[in-house]
Amino acid sequence: MFDVVFRSWPLLLAATGETVLLSVASGLLATLLGILLALGQLFAARALRYLVEVWLYVMRGVPLLVLLFAMYYALPYTGIDLSPRVGGILVLSTYFSAFMAEIFRSAVLAVPKGQWDAARGIGFHGWRLMREVIVPQALRLASASYVNTMIMLVKGTSLVSIIGLWELTLAGRQIVERTLASFQVFGAVALIYFVLCYGLSLAGRYLEKRFSYVH
């Protein structure tokens, strides 16, 4: 019954590698953009803060699928023609950076005001204040939500198959079209996504313990 899965396993593993590569690249870029956007919300001039907030509301309010279609079908009309891989990474990272920005901003604001005042009282200011006092506490507060967003990003990579980027979901569809074994193949694809996301969940639990005050 599951012979088709075993015969297709090398192809599924190769596609899994593409999904992992896409997730890592998009996750790193989304994290960097999220940090910059959070800093803009917290410390930029009022006009820039307003622009950042408008941008974040737009990104969080538009479905990821619509953004992928816009990149693939509408963007070429402006003279910008991106490959499916580059375009997929840019759309995923831009979309999920909006959620990460809110996570990072909320984590910084959740650090008790007394911690800020105490740090300033002993002479910590600017970057030193953020690096040595605020950021370590914000990391602890943001770790669970950040990992959950990364899990959503991994699952979101399945949508890039609609623009022709070969990854796990598209590979599964190609195998099904050839073998008609939809239950077995997509069952294997679902299992692979579960393993990837469960691994991130375990990493999230580790981070929670790592940044916890109580050991």
N, C-alpha and C. Protein backbone atom coordinates (compact mmCIF):
# COMPACT_ATOMS: atom_id res chain seq x y z
N MET A 1 0.82 -1.21 0.00
CA MET A 1 0.00 0.00 0.00
C MET A 1 0.86 1.27 0.00
N PHE A 2 1.95 1.20 0.77
CA PHE A 2 2.80 2.37 0.88
C PHE A 2 4.08 2.22 0.07
N ASP A 3 4.09 1.31 -0.90
CA ASP A 3 5.27 1.14 -1.74
C ASP A 3 5.61 2.41 -2.49
N VAL A 4 4.58 3.14 -2.93
CA VAL A 4 4.82 4.35 -3.70
C VAL A 4 5.55 5.39 -2.86
N VAL A 5 5.30 5.42 -1.56
CA VAL A 5 5.99 6.36 -0.68
C VAL A 5 7.46 6.00 -0.57
N PHE A 6 7.75 4.72 -0.40
CA PHE A 6 9.15 4.29 -0.30
C PHE A 6 9.90 4.54 -1.60
N ARG A 7 9.24 4.33 -2.73
CA ARG A 7 9.90 4.58 -4.01
C ARG A 7 10.13 6.07 -4.24
N SER A 8 9.26 6.88 -3.68
CA SER A 8 9.37 8.33 -3.87
C SER A 8 10.13 9.02 -2.75
N TRP A 9 10.63 8.26 -1.80
CA TRP A 9 11.27 8.86 -0.63
C TRP A 9 12.47 9.75 -0.98
N PRO A 10 13.35 9.37 -1.91
CA PRO A 10 14.46 10.29 -2.26
C PRO A 10 13.98 11.63 -2.76
N LEU A 11 12.92 11.63 -3.57
CA LEU A 11 12.37 12.88 -4.07
C LEU A 11 11.76 13.71 -2.93
N LEU A 12 11.07 13.05 -2.02
CA LEU A 12 10.48 13.76 -0.89
C LEU A 12 11.56 14.35 0.03
N LEU A 13 12.64 13.61 0.22
CA LEU A 13 13.73 14.12 1.05
C LEU A 13 14.39 15.34 0.40
N ALA A 14 14.59 15.27 -0.92
CA ALA A 14 15.16 16.42 -1.63
C ALA A 14 14.24 17.63 -1.52
N ALA A 15 12.94 17.39 -1.66
CA ALA A 15 11.97 18.49 -1.53
C ALA A 15 11.94 19.03 -0.11
N THR A 16 12.13 18.16 0.87
CA THR A 16 12.19 18.61 2.26
C THR A 16 13.38 19.53 2.47
N GLY A 17 14.50 19.20 1.84
CA GLY A 17 15.67 20.08 1.92
C GLY A 17 15.38 21.46 1.36
N GLU A 18 14.63 21.51 0.26
CA GLU A 18 14.25 22.81 -0.31
C GLU A 18 13.34 23.57 0.64
N THR A 19 12.41 22.86 1.28
CA THR A 19 11.51 23.52 2.23
C THR A 19 12.28 24.06 3.43
N VAL A 20 13.23 23.27 3.93
CA VAL A 20 14.05 23.74 5.05
C VAL A 20 14.87 24.96 4.65
N LEU A 21 15.47 24.91 3.46
CA LEU A 21 16.25 26.06 2.98
C LEU A 21 15.39 27.30 2.86
N LEU A 22 14.21 27.14 2.30
CA LEU A 22 13.28 28.25 2.15
C LEU A 22 12.86 28.80 3.52
N SER A 23 12.61 27.90 4.47
CA SER A 23 12.18 28.31 5.82
C SER A 23 13.29 29.06 6.54
N VAL A 24 14.51 28.55 6.45
CA VAL A 24 15.63 29.18 7.15
C VAL A 24 15.93 30.56 6.57
N ALA A 25 15.99 30.63 5.24
CA ALA A 25 16.28 31.93 4.61
C ALA A 25 15.19 32.95 4.91
N SER A 26 13.94 32.54 4.79
CA SER A 26 12.83 33.44 5.06
C SER A 26 12.77 33.81 6.54
N GLY A 27 13.02 32.82 7.42
CA GLY A 27 12.99 33.09 8.85
C GLY A 27 14.05 34.06 9.30
N LEU A 28 15.27 33.90 8.78
CA LEU A 28 16.35 34.82 9.16
C LEU A 28 16.05 36.24 8.69
N LEU A 29 15.61 36.36 7.44
CA LEU A 29 15.31 37.70 6.91
C LEU A 29 14.11 38.31 7.63
N ALA A 30 13.09 37.49 7.92
CA ALA A 30 11.92 37.99 8.64
C ALA A 30 12.31 38.46 10.05
N THR A 31 13.21 37.74 10.70
CA THR A 31 13.66 38.14 12.03
C THR A 31 14.38 39.48 11.98
N LEU A 32 15.28 39.64 11.01
CA LEU A 32 16.01 40.90 10.88
C LEU A 32 15.05 42.05 10.59
N LEU A 33 14.15 41.86 9.64
CA LEU A 33 13.18 42.91 9.33
C LEU A 33 12.26 43.20 10.51
N GLY A 34 11.88 42.14 11.24
CA GLY A 34 11.02 42.32 12.40
C GLY A 34 11.69 43.15 13.47
N ILE A 35 12.97 42.91 13.70
CA ILE A 35 13.72 43.70 14.69
C ILE A 35 13.78 45.16 14.28
N LEU A 36 14.08 45.41 13.00
CA LEU A 36 14.17 46.79 12.52
C LEU A 36 12.82 47.50 12.61
N LEU A 37 11.75 46.80 12.25
CA LEU A 37 10.43 47.40 12.33
C LEU A 37 10.02 47.67 13.79
N ALA A 38 10.38 46.75 14.69
CA ALA A 38 10.06 46.94 16.10
C ALA A 38 10.82 48.15 16.65
N LEU A 39 12.09 48.28 16.28
CA LEU A 39 12.86 49.44 16.72
C LEU A 39 12.26 50.73 16.17
N GLY A 40 11.79 50.65 14.92
CA GLY A 40 11.14 51.83 14.34
C GLY A 40 9.89 52.22 15.10
N GLN A 41 9.11 51.23 15.51
CA GLN A 41 7.91 51.52 16.29
C GLN A 41 8.24 52.13 17.66
N LEU A 42 9.33 51.66 18.24
CA LEU A 42 9.64 52.05 19.61
C LEU A 42 10.41 53.36 19.71
N PHE A 43 11.36 53.59 18.79
CA PHE A 43 12.31 54.67 19.00
C PHE A 43 12.40 55.68 17.85
N ALA A 44 11.73 55.44 16.74
CA ALA A 44 11.84 56.35 15.60
C ALA A 44 11.02 57.61 15.84
N ALA A 45 11.22 58.60 14.98
CA ALA A 45 10.42 59.82 15.04
C ALA A 45 8.96 59.51 14.76
N ARG A 46 8.08 60.40 15.18
CA ARG A 46 6.65 60.13 15.10
C ARG A 46 6.19 59.82 13.68
N ALA A 47 6.67 60.57 12.71
CA ALA A 47 6.25 60.35 11.32
C ALA A 47 6.66 58.97 10.84
N LEU A 48 7.89 58.55 11.18
CA LEU A 48 8.36 57.24 10.77
C LEU A 48 7.61 56.13 11.50
N ARG A 49 7.30 56.36 12.77
CA ARG A 49 6.51 55.38 13.52
C ARG A 49 5.15 55.18 12.87
N TYR A 50 4.55 56.27 12.42
CA TYR A 50 3.24 56.17 11.78
C TYR A 50 3.34 55.36 10.49
N LEU A 51 4.37 55.59 9.70
CA LEU A 51 4.55 54.84 8.45
C LEU A 51 4.77 53.35 8.73
N VAL A 52 5.57 53.06 9.75
CA VAL A 52 5.83 51.66 10.11
C VAL A 52 4.54 50.98 10.55
N GLU A 53 3.74 51.65 11.35
CA GLU A 53 2.50 51.05 11.82
C GLU A 53 1.52 50.81 10.68
N VAL A 54 1.43 51.75 9.74
CA VAL A 54 0.57 51.55 8.58
C VAL A 54 1.04 50.34 7.78
N TRP A 55 2.35 50.25 7.58
CA TRP A 55 2.92 49.11 6.84
C TRP A 55 2.58 47.79 7.53
N LEU A 56 2.71 47.74 8.85
CA LEU A 56 2.45 46.51 9.59
C LEU A 56 0.97 46.13 9.52
N TYR A 57 0.08 47.12 9.62
CA TYR A 57 -1.35 46.82 9.53
C TYR A 57 -1.69 46.27 8.15
N VAL A 58 -1.07 46.81 7.11
CA VAL A 58 -1.33 46.32 5.76
C VAL A 58 -0.83 44.88 5.61
N MET A 59 0.39 44.62 6.06
CA MET A 59 0.96 43.28 5.92
C MET A 59 0.16 42.24 6.70
N ARG A 60 -0.27 42.60 7.90
CA ARG A 60 -1.03 41.65 8.71
C ARG A 60 -2.47 41.49 8.22
N GLY A 61 -2.94 42.46 7.44
CA GLY A 61 -4.33 42.41 6.99
C GLY A 61 -4.54 41.81 5.63
N VAL A 62 -3.45 41.55 4.89
CA VAL A 62 -3.56 40.98 3.54
C VAL A 62 -3.14 39.51 3.59
N PRO A 63 -3.91 38.60 3.02
CA PRO A 63 -3.54 37.17 3.04
C PRO A 63 -2.21 36.92 2.33
N LEU A 64 -1.47 35.97 2.83
CA LEU A 64 -0.18 35.61 2.23
C LEU A 64 -0.35 35.18 0.78
N LEU A 65 -1.42 34.46 0.49
CA LEU A 65 -1.65 33.99 -0.87
C LEU A 65 -1.80 35.16 -1.84
N VAL A 66 -2.48 36.23 -1.42
CA VAL A 66 -2.65 37.40 -2.27
C VAL A 66 -1.30 38.06 -2.53
N LEU A 67 -0.45 38.14 -1.52
CA LEU A 67 0.87 38.73 -1.70
C LEU A 67 1.71 37.92 -2.68
N LEU A 68 1.62 36.61 -2.62
CA LEU A 68 2.36 35.77 -3.56
C LEU A 68 1.87 35.98 -4.99
N PHE A 69 0.55 36.04 -5.17
CA PHE A 69 0.00 36.30 -6.50
C PHE A 69 0.44 37.68 -7.01
N ALA A 70 0.43 38.67 -6.12
CA ALA A 70 0.83 40.02 -6.53
C ALA A 70 2.28 40.04 -6.96
N MET A 71 3.15 39.35 -6.21
CA MET A 71 4.57 39.31 -6.58
C MET A 71 4.77 38.62 -7.92
N TYR A 72 4.04 37.53 -8.15
CA TYR A 72 4.29 36.71 -9.33
C TYR A 72 3.63 37.27 -10.59
N TYR A 73 2.42 37.83 -10.43
CA TYR A 73 1.66 38.27 -11.60
C TYR A 73 1.67 39.79 -11.81
N ALA A 74 1.64 40.56 -10.71
CA ALA A 74 1.55 42.01 -10.85
C ALA A 74 2.91 42.70 -10.90
N LEU A 75 3.86 42.22 -10.12
CA LEU A 75 5.17 42.88 -10.05
C LEU A 75 5.88 42.97 -11.39
N PRO A 76 5.81 41.95 -12.26
CA PRO A 76 6.48 42.06 -13.56
C PRO A 76 6.01 43.24 -14.40
N TYR A 77 4.78 43.73 -14.17
CA TYR A 77 4.29 44.88 -14.93
C TYR A 77 5.03 46.16 -14.56
N THR A 78 5.71 46.15 -13.41
CA THR A 78 6.50 47.32 -13.00
C THR A 78 7.94 47.20 -13.48
N GLY A 79 8.25 46.13 -14.20
CA GLY A 79 9.61 45.93 -14.68
C GLY A 79 10.48 45.10 -13.76
N ILE A 80 9.90 44.61 -12.66
CA ILE A 80 10.65 43.78 -11.71
C ILE A 80 10.21 42.34 -11.88
N ASP A 81 11.11 41.50 -12.31
CA ASP A 81 10.78 40.10 -12.57
C ASP A 81 11.68 39.22 -11.70
N LEU A 82 11.12 38.71 -10.62
CA LEU A 82 11.89 37.90 -9.67
C LEU A 82 11.69 36.43 -9.95
N SER A 83 12.70 35.64 -9.65
CA SER A 83 12.55 34.19 -9.75
C SER A 83 11.62 33.71 -8.66
N PRO A 84 10.96 32.55 -8.85
CA PRO A 84 10.06 32.06 -7.80
C PRO A 84 10.73 31.90 -6.44
N ARG A 85 12.00 31.47 -6.44
CA ARG A 85 12.67 31.28 -5.15
C ARG A 85 12.92 32.62 -4.46
N VAL A 86 13.50 33.57 -5.18
CA VAL A 86 13.78 34.88 -4.57
C VAL A 86 12.48 35.57 -4.18
N GLY A 87 11.50 35.55 -5.08
CA GLY A 87 10.22 36.18 -4.78
C GLY A 87 9.52 35.53 -3.60
N GLY A 88 9.57 34.19 -3.53
CA GLY A 88 8.95 33.49 -2.42
C GLY A 88 9.59 33.84 -1.09
N ILE A 89 10.90 33.91 -1.06
CA ILE A 89 11.61 34.27 0.17
C ILE A 89 11.27 35.69 0.59
N LEU A 90 11.25 36.62 -0.37
CA LEU A 90 10.95 38.01 -0.04
C LEU A 90 9.52 38.17 0.47
N VAL A 91 8.58 37.49 -0.16
CA VAL A 91 7.18 37.62 0.29
C VAL A 91 7.01 36.99 1.66
N LEU A 92 7.54 35.79 1.87
CA LEU A 92 7.41 35.14 3.17
C LEU A 92 8.05 35.96 4.28
N SER A 93 9.26 36.44 4.02
CA SER A 93 9.97 37.19 5.05
C SER A 93 9.28 38.52 5.34
N THR A 94 8.79 39.19 4.30
CA THR A 94 8.09 40.46 4.51
C THR A 94 6.80 40.25 5.29
N TYR A 95 6.06 39.22 4.92
CA TYR A 95 4.77 38.96 5.57
C TYR A 95 4.97 38.60 7.04
N PHE A 96 5.86 37.67 7.33
CA PHE A 96 6.01 37.22 8.72
C PHE A 96 6.81 38.20 9.56
N SER A 97 7.58 39.09 8.93
CA SER A 97 8.28 40.11 9.71
C SER A 97 7.30 41.04 10.40
N ALA A 98 6.11 41.23 9.81
CA ALA A 98 5.11 42.08 10.44
C ALA A 98 4.64 41.48 11.77
N PHE A 99 4.50 40.18 11.82
CA PHE A 99 4.09 39.51 13.06
C PHE A 99 5.24 39.49 14.06
N MET A 100 6.46 39.27 13.56
CA MET A 100 7.61 39.26 14.46
C MET A 100 7.86 40.63 15.06
N ALA A 101 7.63 41.68 14.28
CA ALA A 101 7.82 43.03 14.79
C ALA A 101 6.93 43.28 16.01
N GLU A 102 5.70 42.83 15.92
CA GLU A 102 4.78 43.00 17.04
C GLU A 102 5.22 42.18 18.25
N ILE A 103 5.76 40.99 18.00
CA ILE A 103 6.27 40.15 19.09
C ILE A 103 7.42 40.84 19.80
N PHE A 104 8.38 41.35 19.02
CA PHE A 104 9.56 41.99 19.61
C PHE A 104 9.17 43.29 20.33
N ARG A 105 8.30 44.07 19.71
CA ARG A 105 7.87 45.33 20.33
C ARG A 105 7.16 45.06 21.65
N SER A 106 6.25 44.10 21.65
CA SER A 106 5.51 43.78 22.87
C SER A 106 6.43 43.25 23.96
N ALA A 107 7.44 42.47 23.56
CA ALA A 107 8.36 41.91 24.55
C ALA A 107 9.18 43.01 25.21
N VAL A 108 9.63 43.98 24.42
CA VAL A 108 10.40 45.10 25.00
C VAL A 108 9.52 45.91 25.94
N LEU A 109 8.28 46.20 25.52
CA LEU A 109 7.39 46.99 26.35
C LEU A 109 6.95 46.23 27.61
N ALA A 110 7.01 44.89 27.54
CA ALA A 110 6.59 44.09 28.70
C ALA A 110 7.64 44.05 29.80
N VAL A 111 8.86 44.46 29.49
CA VAL A 111 9.89 44.53 30.54
C VAL A 111 9.46 45.61 31.53
N PRO A 112 9.39 45.28 32.81
CA PRO A 112 8.88 46.25 33.81
C PRO A 112 9.63 47.58 33.77
N LYS A 113 8.90 48.65 33.95
CA LYS A 113 9.49 49.99 33.92
C LYS A 113 10.58 50.14 34.98
N GLY A 114 10.41 49.42 36.09
CA GLY A 114 11.43 49.49 37.13
C GLY A 114 12.79 49.02 36.66
N GLN A 115 12.81 48.07 35.73
CA GLN A 115 14.08 47.59 35.18
C GLN A 115 14.78 48.70 34.38
N TRP A 116 14.00 49.44 33.61
CA TRP A 116 14.57 50.57 32.86
C TRP A 116 15.13 51.62 33.83
N ASP A 117 14.33 51.97 34.83
CA ASP A 117 14.74 53.01 35.76
C ASP A 117 15.96 52.58 36.57
N ALA A 118 15.97 51.32 37.00
CA ALA A 118 17.12 50.84 37.78
C ALA A 118 18.39 50.83 36.95
N ALA A 119 18.28 50.42 35.69
CA ALA A 119 19.45 50.39 34.82
C ALA A 119 19.99 51.80 34.57
N ARG A 120 19.06 52.73 34.33
CA ARG A 120 19.51 54.12 34.14
C ARG A 120 20.13 54.68 35.42
N GLY A 121 19.62 54.22 36.55
CA GLY A 121 20.14 54.70 37.82
C GLY A 121 21.58 54.30 38.07
N ILE A 122 22.01 53.19 37.50
CA ILE A 122 23.41 52.76 37.69
C ILE A 122 24.26 53.11 36.47
N GLY A 123 23.72 53.98 35.60
CA GLY A 123 24.55 54.52 34.52
C GLY A 123 24.43 53.84 33.18
N PHE A 124 23.45 52.97 33.00
CA PHE A 124 23.26 52.31 31.70
C PHE A 124 22.36 53.19 30.82
N HIS A 125 22.82 53.46 29.61
CA HIS A 125 22.03 54.25 28.68
C HIS A 125 22.23 53.72 27.27
N GLY A 126 21.28 54.07 26.39
CA GLY A 126 21.43 53.75 24.97
C GLY A 126 21.54 52.26 24.70
N TRP A 127 22.51 51.92 23.84
CA TRP A 127 22.67 50.54 23.41
C TRP A 127 23.07 49.63 24.56
N ARG A 128 23.87 50.14 25.50
CA ARG A 128 24.29 49.31 26.63
C ARG A 128 23.08 48.93 27.48
N LEU A 129 22.16 49.85 27.67
CA LEU A 129 20.93 49.57 28.41
C LEU A 129 20.13 48.47 27.73
N MET A 130 19.98 48.56 26.40
CA MET A 130 19.22 47.56 25.66
C MET A 130 19.93 46.21 25.70
N ARG A 131 21.24 46.21 25.46
CA ARG A 131 21.98 44.95 25.33
C ARG A 131 22.09 44.19 26.63
N GLU A 132 22.34 44.88 27.72
CA GLU A 132 22.66 44.19 28.97
C GLU A 132 21.46 44.03 29.91
N VAL A 133 20.41 44.80 29.70
CA VAL A 133 19.28 44.74 30.64
C VAL A 133 17.97 44.37 29.94
N ILE A 134 17.62 45.11 28.90
CA ILE A 134 16.29 44.96 28.30
C ILE A 134 16.21 43.75 27.38
N VAL A 135 17.16 43.61 26.46
CA VAL A 135 17.10 42.54 25.46
C VAL A 135 17.08 41.14 26.10
N PRO A 136 17.94 40.83 27.08
CA PRO A 136 17.86 39.49 27.68
C PRO A 136 16.49 39.17 28.27
N GLN A 137 15.84 40.15 28.90
CA GLN A 137 14.51 39.91 29.44
C GLN A 137 13.46 39.82 28.34
N ALA A 138 13.62 40.64 27.30
CA ALA A 138 12.68 40.60 26.18
C ALA A 138 12.76 39.28 25.43
N LEU A 139 13.96 38.71 25.32
CA LEU A 139 14.11 37.42 24.64
C LEU A 139 13.32 36.34 25.36
N ARG A 140 13.37 36.36 26.68
CA ARG A 140 12.61 35.37 27.45
C ARG A 140 11.12 35.53 27.20
N LEU A 141 10.66 36.76 27.14
CA LEU A 141 9.23 37.01 26.95
C LEU A 141 8.77 36.70 25.53
N ALA A 142 9.67 36.86 24.56
CA ALA A 142 9.28 36.71 23.15
C ALA A 142 9.49 35.30 22.62
N SER A 143 10.21 34.45 23.33
CA SER A 143 10.64 33.18 22.76
C SER A 143 9.48 32.29 22.31
N ALA A 144 8.45 32.16 23.13
CA ALA A 144 7.35 31.26 22.78
C ALA A 144 6.59 31.76 21.54
N SER A 145 6.27 33.05 21.52
CA SER A 145 5.53 33.60 20.38
C SER A 145 6.39 33.58 19.11
N TYR A 146 7.67 33.81 19.27
CA TYR A 146 8.57 33.78 18.11
C TYR A 146 8.62 32.39 17.50
N VAL A 147 8.73 31.37 18.31
CA VAL A 147 8.78 30.00 17.79
C VAL A 147 7.45 29.65 17.12
N ASN A 148 6.35 30.06 17.71
CA ASN A 148 5.05 29.80 17.08
C ASN A 148 4.96 30.46 15.71
N THR A 149 5.50 31.66 15.57
CA THR A 149 5.49 32.34 14.28
C THR A 149 6.38 31.61 13.28
N MET A 150 7.51 31.08 13.75
CA MET A 150 8.38 30.31 12.86
C MET A 150 7.68 29.04 12.39
N ILE A 151 6.90 28.44 13.26
CA ILE A 151 6.13 27.25 12.85
C ILE A 151 5.13 27.62 11.76
N MET A 152 4.45 28.75 11.94
CA MET A 152 3.53 29.22 10.91
C MET A 152 4.26 29.51 9.60
N LEU A 153 5.48 30.02 9.69
CA LEU A 153 6.26 30.29 8.48
C LEU A 153 6.58 28.99 7.75
N VAL A 154 6.98 27.96 8.49
CA VAL A 154 7.30 26.67 7.85
C VAL A 154 6.07 26.15 7.12
N LYS A 155 4.92 26.22 7.76
CA LYS A 155 3.69 25.76 7.10
C LYS A 155 3.31 26.68 5.94
N GLY A 156 3.63 27.95 6.07
CA GLY A 156 3.33 28.89 5.00
C GLY A 156 4.14 28.66 3.74
N THR A 157 5.30 28.00 3.87
CA THR A 157 6.10 27.73 2.67
C THR A 157 5.36 26.85 1.67
N SER A 158 4.36 26.11 2.14
CA SER A 158 3.60 25.25 1.23
C SER A 158 2.86 26.06 0.18
N LEU A 159 2.58 27.34 0.47
CA LEU A 159 1.82 28.16 -0.48
C LEU A 159 2.66 28.60 -1.67
N VAL A 160 3.99 28.58 -1.53
CA VAL A 160 4.81 29.06 -2.66
C VAL A 160 4.75 28.09 -3.84
N SER A 161 4.18 26.92 -3.64
CA SER A 161 4.04 25.99 -4.76
C SER A 161 3.13 26.56 -5.84
N ILE A 162 2.26 27.50 -5.49
CA ILE A 162 1.34 28.07 -6.49
C ILE A 162 2.06 28.95 -7.49
N ILE A 163 3.28 29.43 -7.15
CA ILE A 163 4.04 30.24 -8.10
C ILE A 163 5.14 29.43 -8.76
N GLY A 164 5.06 28.11 -8.62
CA GLY A 164 5.98 27.23 -9.34
C GLY A 164 7.28 26.93 -8.64
N LEU A 165 7.41 27.31 -7.37
CA LEU A 165 8.63 27.00 -6.64
C LEU A 165 8.56 25.56 -6.14
N TRP A 166 9.53 24.77 -6.54
CA TRP A 166 9.52 23.35 -6.19
C TRP A 166 9.96 23.17 -4.74
N GLU A 167 9.06 22.65 -3.94
CA GLU A 167 9.35 22.33 -2.54
C GLU A 167 8.49 21.12 -2.17
N LEU A 168 8.27 20.89 -0.90
CA LEU A 168 7.66 19.65 -0.44
C LEU A 168 6.24 19.47 -0.96
N THR A 169 5.43 20.50 -0.88
CA THR A 169 4.04 20.36 -1.32
C THR A 169 3.95 20.13 -2.83
N LEU A 170 4.71 20.89 -3.60
CA LEU A 170 4.68 20.71 -5.05
C LEU A 170 5.22 19.35 -5.45
N ALA A 171 6.27 18.89 -4.76
CA ALA A 171 6.79 17.56 -5.04
C ALA A 171 5.72 16.50 -4.76
N GLY A 172 4.98 16.66 -3.67
CA GLY A 172 3.90 15.72 -3.37
C GLY A 172 2.84 15.72 -4.44
N ARG A 173 2.47 16.90 -4.94
CA ARG A 173 1.48 16.98 -6.01
C ARG A 173 1.97 16.29 -7.28
N GLN A 174 3.24 16.47 -7.61
CA GLN A 174 3.79 15.84 -8.80
C GLN A 174 3.79 14.32 -8.69
N ILE A 175 4.10 13.82 -7.49
CA ILE A 175 4.09 12.37 -7.28
C ILE A 175 2.67 11.83 -7.39
N VAL A 176 1.71 12.55 -6.82
CA VAL A 176 0.31 12.11 -6.88
C VAL A 176 -0.18 12.10 -8.33
N GLU A 177 0.18 13.10 -9.11
CA GLU A 177 -0.24 13.14 -10.51
C GLU A 177 0.30 11.94 -11.29
N ARG A 178 1.46 11.44 -10.86
CA ARG A 178 2.07 10.32 -11.56
C ARG A 178 1.57 8.97 -11.06
N THR A 179 1.25 8.90 -9.77
CA THR A 179 0.92 7.60 -9.16
C THR A 179 -0.54 7.47 -8.75
N LEU A 180 -1.25 8.60 -8.59
CA LEU A 180 -2.64 8.64 -8.12
C LEU A 180 -2.79 8.13 -6.68
N ALA A 181 -1.68 8.03 -5.97
CA ALA A 181 -1.71 7.57 -4.57
C ALA A 181 -1.76 8.79 -3.65
N SER A 182 -2.86 9.53 -3.71
CA SER A 182 -2.95 10.79 -2.98
C SER A 182 -2.90 10.60 -1.46
N PHE A 183 -3.61 9.58 -0.96
CA PHE A 183 -3.65 9.38 0.50
C PHE A 183 -2.26 9.08 1.05
N GLN A 184 -1.56 8.16 0.42
CA GLN A 184 -0.24 7.77 0.91
C GLN A 184 0.77 8.91 0.80
N VAL A 185 0.78 9.58 -0.36
CA VAL A 185 1.79 10.61 -0.60
C VAL A 185 1.55 11.82 0.29
N PHE A 186 0.33 12.32 0.31
CA PHE A 186 0.08 13.50 1.14
C PHE A 186 0.11 13.15 2.62
N GLY A 187 -0.13 11.89 2.97
CA GLY A 187 0.09 11.48 4.34
C GLY A 187 1.55 11.59 4.73
N ALA A 188 2.43 11.18 3.81
CA ALA A 188 3.87 11.30 4.06
C ALA A 188 4.29 12.77 4.12
N VAL A 189 3.73 13.59 3.23
CA VAL A 189 4.05 15.02 3.23
C VAL A 189 3.61 15.66 4.55
N ALA A 190 2.41 15.33 5.00
CA ALA A 190 1.92 15.86 6.28
C ALA A 190 2.82 15.43 7.44
N LEU A 191 3.28 14.18 7.39
CA LEU A 191 4.16 13.68 8.46
C LEU A 191 5.48 14.45 8.48
N ILE A 192 6.02 14.76 7.31
CA ILE A 192 7.27 15.51 7.25
C ILE A 192 7.08 16.91 7.82
N TYR A 193 5.98 17.58 7.44
CA TYR A 193 5.71 18.90 8.01
C TYR A 193 5.56 18.82 9.52
N PHE A 194 4.91 17.76 10.01
CA PHE A 194 4.73 17.60 11.45
C PHE A 194 6.08 17.46 12.15
N VAL A 195 6.98 16.67 11.57
CA VAL A 195 8.30 16.47 12.18
C VAL A 195 9.05 17.79 12.24
N LEU A 196 9.01 18.57 11.15
CA LEU A 196 9.70 19.86 11.13
C LEU A 196 9.13 20.80 12.19
N CYS A 197 7.82 20.87 12.27
CA CYS A 197 7.18 21.79 13.21
C CYS A 197 7.35 21.30 14.66
N TYR A 198 7.32 19.98 14.85
CA TYR A 198 7.51 19.47 16.20
C TYR A 198 8.94 19.75 16.68
N GLY A 199 9.89 19.66 15.76
CA GLY A 199 11.27 20.02 16.12
C GLY A 199 11.37 21.46 16.57
N LEU A 200 10.66 22.36 15.89
CA LEU A 200 10.65 23.76 16.31
C LEU A 200 9.97 23.92 17.67
N SER A 201 8.92 23.14 17.92
CA SER A 201 8.25 23.20 19.21
C SER A 201 9.19 22.80 20.33
N LEU A 202 9.98 21.76 20.10
CA LEU A 202 10.96 21.34 21.10
C LEU A 202 12.01 22.42 21.33
N ALA A 203 12.42 23.07 20.23
CA ALA A 203 13.37 24.17 20.36
C ALA A 203 12.77 25.31 21.18
N GLY A 204 11.47 25.54 20.98
CA GLY A 204 10.79 26.58 21.75
C GLY A 204 10.77 26.26 23.23
N ARG A 205 10.51 25.01 23.56
CA ARG A 205 10.53 24.62 24.98
C ARG A 205 11.92 24.80 25.59
N TYR A 206 12.93 24.46 24.80
CA TYR A 206 14.30 24.64 25.29
C TYR A 206 14.59 26.11 25.55
N LEU A 207 14.17 26.98 24.62
CA LEU A 207 14.41 28.41 24.80
C LEU A 207 13.69 28.94 26.03
N GLU A 208 12.47 28.48 26.25
CA GLU A 208 11.73 28.92 27.43
C GLU A 208 12.49 28.56 28.70
N LYS A 209 13.02 27.35 28.76
CA LYS A 209 13.79 26.92 29.93
C LYS A 209 15.11 27.68 30.02
N ARG A 210 15.72 27.90 28.84
CA ARG A 210 17.03 28.57 28.81
C ARG A 210 16.94 30.00 29.33
N PHE A 211 15.86 30.69 28.99
CA PHE A 211 15.71 32.08 29.38
C PHE A 211 14.89 32.26 30.65
N SER A 212 14.50 31.14 31.26
CA SER A 212 13.70 31.25 32.48
C SER A 212 14.58 31.65 33.65
N TYR A 213 14.00 32.41 34.56
CA TYR A 213 14.72 32.79 35.77
C TYR A 213 14.81 31.64 36.76
N VAL A 214 13.86 30.70 36.67
CA VAL A 214 13.79 29.60 37.64
C VAL A 214 14.33 28.35 36.97
N HIS A 215 15.31 27.70 37.55
CA HIS A 215 15.92 26.48 37.01
C HIS A 215 15.70 25.32 37.99
